[in-house]
Protein backbone atom coordinates (compact mmCIF):
# COMPACT_ATOMS: atom_id res chain seq x y z
CA MET A 1 129.66 178.86 -16.59
CA ASN A 2 133.21 179.04 -15.24
CA THR A 3 136.32 177.88 -16.87
CA PRO A 4 139.00 176.70 -14.99
CA HIS A 5 142.42 177.88 -15.77
CA GLN A 6 144.99 175.15 -16.65
CA HIS A 7 148.30 174.96 -13.89
CA ILE A 8 151.73 174.57 -15.09
CA ILE A 9 152.06 170.89 -13.89
CA LYS A 10 149.32 168.86 -15.26
CA SER A 11 149.46 166.51 -12.28
CA TYR A 12 147.73 169.05 -10.05
CA ASP A 13 145.32 169.61 -12.51
CA ASP A 14 144.66 165.75 -12.58
CA GLU A 15 144.74 166.12 -8.83
CA LEU A 16 142.06 168.69 -8.82
CA LYS A 17 139.33 167.01 -11.67
CA ARG A 18 140.00 163.65 -9.36
CA LEU A 19 138.40 165.65 -6.48
CA THR A 20 135.92 167.12 -8.24
CA GLY A 21 134.95 163.27 -9.65
CA GLU A 22 135.33 161.92 -6.21
CA ILE A 23 132.33 164.56 -4.93
CA VAL A 24 130.23 164.40 -7.70
CA LYS A 25 130.35 160.24 -7.49
CA MET A 26 129.95 160.97 -3.90
CA GLY A 27 126.47 162.78 -4.66
CA GLU A 28 125.70 160.61 -7.25
CA LEU A 29 125.54 157.72 -4.62
CA ALA A 30 123.59 159.91 -2.33
CA VAL A 31 120.82 160.90 -5.04
CA ALA A 32 120.20 156.82 -5.50
CA GLN A 33 119.97 156.22 -1.97
CA LEU A 34 117.30 158.50 -1.60
CA GLU A 35 115.59 157.06 -4.74
CA ALA A 36 115.83 153.73 -3.43
CA ALA A 37 114.76 155.35 -0.32
CA ILE A 38 111.31 156.29 -1.77
CA ASP A 39 110.84 152.91 -3.17
CA VAL A 40 111.32 150.77 -0.19
CA VAL A 41 108.58 152.96 1.33
CA GLN A 42 106.46 152.76 -1.66
CA ARG A 43 106.87 149.23 -2.10
CA ARG A 44 106.36 148.35 2.12
CA ASP A 45 109.63 146.04 1.48
CA GLU A 46 111.81 145.57 4.85
CA ARG A 47 114.52 143.72 3.21
CA ALA A 48 115.34 145.95 0.53
CA ALA A 49 115.07 149.11 3.35
CA GLN A 50 117.62 147.34 5.37
CA ARG A 51 119.84 147.22 2.09
CA VAL A 52 119.61 151.14 1.86
CA VAL A 53 120.55 151.28 5.60
CA ASP A 54 123.67 149.73 5.11
CA ASN A 55 124.87 150.98 2.00
CA ASP A 56 125.02 154.21 3.89
CA GLU A 57 129.12 152.84 4.73
CA ALA A 58 129.63 153.49 1.12
CA ILE A 59 129.02 157.11 1.76
CA ASP A 60 131.16 157.61 4.41
CA ALA A 61 133.96 155.51 3.11
CA LEU A 62 134.09 158.34 -0.01
CA GLU A 63 134.04 161.14 2.52
CA GLN A 64 136.85 159.87 4.54
CA GLU A 65 138.83 159.14 1.12
CA ILE A 66 138.08 163.03 0.20
CA SER A 67 139.01 164.26 3.25
CA GLN A 68 142.38 162.24 3.12
CA ASP A 69 142.78 163.93 -0.57
CA VAL A 70 142.25 167.41 0.95
CA VAL A 71 145.00 166.96 3.52
CA ARG A 72 147.09 165.77 0.80
CA LEU A 73 146.50 168.29 -1.66
CA LEU A 74 147.12 171.09 1.18
CA ALA A 75 150.31 169.26 1.99
CA LEU A 76 151.88 169.07 -0.92
CA ARG A 77 150.43 171.75 -3.16
CA ALA A 78 149.97 174.71 -0.84
CA PRO A 79 146.86 175.83 -3.09
CA ILE A 80 146.28 179.72 -3.20
CA ALA A 81 143.02 182.02 -4.22
CA GLY A 82 140.74 179.79 -6.54
CA ASP A 83 142.31 176.51 -5.72
CA LEU A 84 142.21 176.73 -2.10
CA ARG A 85 138.33 177.74 -2.15
CA ASN A 86 137.77 174.78 -4.51
CA VAL A 87 139.64 172.61 -1.67
CA PHE A 88 137.49 173.52 1.48
CA ALA A 89 134.94 173.67 -0.62
CA ALA A 90 135.30 169.98 -1.48
CA LEU A 91 135.34 169.11 2.42
CA ARG A 92 132.51 170.95 3.11
CA ILE A 93 130.45 169.72 0.09
CA ALA A 94 131.82 166.35 1.28
CA ALA A 95 130.14 166.55 4.52
CA ASP A 96 126.96 167.79 3.16
CA ILE A 97 126.59 164.69 1.17
CA GLU A 98 127.82 162.07 4.12
CA ARG A 99 124.52 164.15 5.63
CA ILE A 100 122.47 163.96 2.97
CA GLY A 101 123.30 160.05 3.12
CA ASP A 102 122.47 159.94 6.86
CA TYR A 103 118.96 161.39 6.17
CA ALA A 104 118.37 159.13 2.79
CA ALA A 105 119.23 156.02 5.37
CA ASN A 106 116.84 157.10 7.92
CA VAL A 107 114.00 157.41 5.81
CA ALA A 108 114.83 153.83 4.59
CA LYS A 109 115.13 152.96 8.79
CA ARG A 110 111.53 154.57 9.42
CA SER A 111 109.93 152.40 6.40
CA ILE A 112 110.60 149.10 8.15
CA PRO A 113 108.36 149.78 10.84
CA LEU A 114 106.01 151.68 8.70
CA SER A 115 105.59 148.50 6.63
CA ARG A 116 104.33 146.46 9.45
CA VAL A 117 101.16 148.96 9.84
CA ALA A 118 98.23 149.21 7.53
CA PRO A 119 99.33 151.36 4.68
CA ILE A 120 98.36 154.40 4.67
CA ALA A 121 97.23 157.63 1.54
CA VAL A 122 99.32 160.52 2.09
CA VAL A 123 102.66 158.11 1.32
CA GLY A 124 102.23 160.03 -2.06
CA GLY A 125 102.93 163.11 -0.85
CA LEU A 126 106.43 161.80 0.67
CA ALA A 127 107.42 160.68 -2.64
CA ASN A 128 106.51 164.41 -4.27
CA LEU A 129 108.37 165.50 -1.62
CA ALA A 130 111.10 163.33 -2.68
CA GLU A 131 110.99 164.14 -6.26
CA LEU A 132 111.86 167.61 -5.30
CA ALA A 133 114.64 166.90 -3.40
CA ILE A 134 116.29 164.88 -5.65
CA GLU A 135 116.00 167.53 -8.69
CA GLU A 136 117.68 169.57 -6.34
CA LEU A 137 120.30 167.40 -5.61
CA ARG A 138 120.94 166.73 -9.08
CA ASP A 139 121.21 170.25 -10.28
CA VAL A 140 123.61 171.52 -7.57
CA LEU A 141 125.90 168.05 -8.45
CA LYS A 142 125.90 169.54 -12.23
CA ALA A 143 126.58 172.95 -11.19
CA TYR A 144 129.46 171.85 -9.24
CA HIS A 145 130.90 169.71 -12.03
CA GLU A 146 130.65 172.63 -14.57
CA GLN A 147 131.74 175.53 -11.69
CA ASP A 148 128.35 177.05 -12.62
CA ALA A 149 127.47 179.84 -10.20
CA GLU A 150 124.15 181.01 -11.59
CA ALA A 151 122.91 176.71 -11.67
CA ALA A 152 123.86 176.92 -8.36
CA TYR A 153 122.14 179.75 -7.41
CA GLU A 154 118.77 178.74 -9.38
CA VAL A 155 119.16 175.29 -6.95
CA TRP A 156 119.22 177.99 -3.70
CA LYS A 157 116.22 179.78 -4.68
CA ALA A 158 114.02 176.17 -5.79
CA ASP A 159 114.45 175.28 -2.14
CA ALA A 160 111.37 177.47 -1.35
CA ARG A 161 109.44 175.07 -3.16
CA LEU A 162 110.64 172.26 -1.34
CA ASP A 163 109.41 173.71 1.79
CA GLU A 164 106.18 174.56 0.46
CA GLU A 165 105.47 171.17 -0.27
CA TYR A 166 106.72 169.96 3.33
CA THR A 167 104.29 172.36 4.82
CA LEU A 168 101.68 170.39 2.82
CA VAL A 169 102.76 166.89 3.72
CA PHE A 170 102.92 168.04 7.50
CA ARG A 171 99.58 169.64 7.21
CA ALA A 172 98.04 166.47 6.15
CA LEU A 173 100.09 164.21 8.28
CA LEU A 174 98.46 166.53 11.19
CA THR A 175 94.63 165.90 9.47
CA TYR A 176 95.06 162.54 9.46
CA MET A 177 96.15 162.02 13.24
CA MET A 178 93.63 164.14 14.14
CA GLU A 179 90.54 162.70 12.00
CA ASP A 180 91.77 158.79 13.68
CA PRO A 181 94.17 158.17 16.74
CA ARG A 182 94.97 154.61 14.88
CA ASN A 183 97.21 156.47 12.24
CA ILE A 184 99.49 158.25 15.06
CA THR A 185 102.40 156.23 14.45
CA PRO A 186 102.39 155.74 11.25
CA CYS A 187 101.91 159.40 10.44
CA THR A 188 104.86 159.80 13.19
CA HIS A 189 106.88 157.94 10.98
CA LEU A 190 106.25 159.61 8.28
CA LEU A 191 106.64 163.20 9.69
CA PHE A 192 110.36 162.00 10.78
CA MET A 193 110.73 160.77 6.83
CA ALA A 194 109.30 164.11 5.75
CA LYS A 195 111.37 166.37 7.77
CA ASN A 196 114.71 164.06 6.46
CA ILE A 197 113.78 165.08 3.20
CA GLU A 198 113.46 168.82 3.85
CA ARG A 199 116.53 169.04 5.54
CA ILE A 200 118.39 167.27 2.30
CA GLY A 201 117.22 170.43 0.68
CA ASP A 202 118.79 172.40 3.21
CA HIS A 203 122.18 170.46 2.71
CA ALA A 204 121.79 171.22 -0.93
CA THR A 205 121.42 174.55 -0.72
CA ASN A 206 124.69 174.30 1.53
CA ILE A 207 126.58 173.06 -1.68
CA ALA A 208 124.95 175.80 -3.97
CA GLU A 209 126.74 178.43 -1.54
CA ASN A 210 129.59 176.93 -1.59
CA VAL A 211 129.34 176.96 -5.53
CA TRP A 212 128.86 180.28 -5.77
CA PHE A 213 131.86 180.96 -3.23
CA VAL A 214 133.88 178.85 -5.08
CA VAL A 215 133.47 180.71 -8.59
CA ASN A 216 132.86 184.36 -7.56
CA GLY A 217 135.35 184.58 -4.44
CA GLU A 218 132.54 186.06 -2.16
CA PRO A 219 130.01 184.34 -0.22
CA LEU A 220 125.95 184.30 -1.43
CA VAL A 221 124.57 187.63 0.98
CA ALA A 222 121.08 187.34 -0.54
CA PRO A 223 118.56 186.81 2.18
CA ARG A 224 116.97 183.24 1.69
CA VAL A 225 113.44 182.68 1.31
CA LYS A 226 112.23 179.99 3.54
CA LYS A 227 108.41 178.73 3.03
CA ASP A 228 108.30 176.23 5.71
CA THR A 229 105.69 177.28 8.11
CA THR A 230 105.62 174.48 10.41
CA ALA A 231 107.25 175.94 13.12
CA ASN A 232 104.62 179.42 13.42
CA PRO A 233 102.67 179.15 16.65
CA GLU A 234 99.30 179.45 15.03
CA PHE A 235 100.06 176.74 12.66
């Protein structure tokens, strides 16, 4: 784990720590949003789903605060080297988390019409997919907070497992749709939900790449293994 250096001006360290804390807080809100979204899917609770959708505004507001803090740091502190990487990474990570919040809200939004049709068994596969995404998010937030490049790299590699699970869910949903046309509407909603969750994993890997860059001062250039085969023509 990387140990951050101390600056001569303590208030500068405090500002950087506060920026990191805001990012982590924003990430924790996004994790909670995804957990709540999957919960309302399973409970078929329309009112709770709408609350999840509405709560996305809190994540948006935090991103705005972080953007303002970054501008202030750039203007007043003129950071260089590792500090500059950290400040710009915070901006990029905040944008990734904001998108994660949007995807979680989309899952909750789709659960509203889904709750108005007969229950479908493959919802369980969606919950498994979400668990993998939640694990990725928690691990990458910890890696960011601790400036741990190796832990971030493990998250980056682990996204292949989420891709594989997404492919399984995708196949199961197509099978249900082919077996009974009445399943087409609910399975279509579930397909969009599954894709939203798969995209959350992609944003977690973006955050991991930023952590690697902040700590090591160079981009993560290893070829990324993608296990999502749903776009294959022979699928």
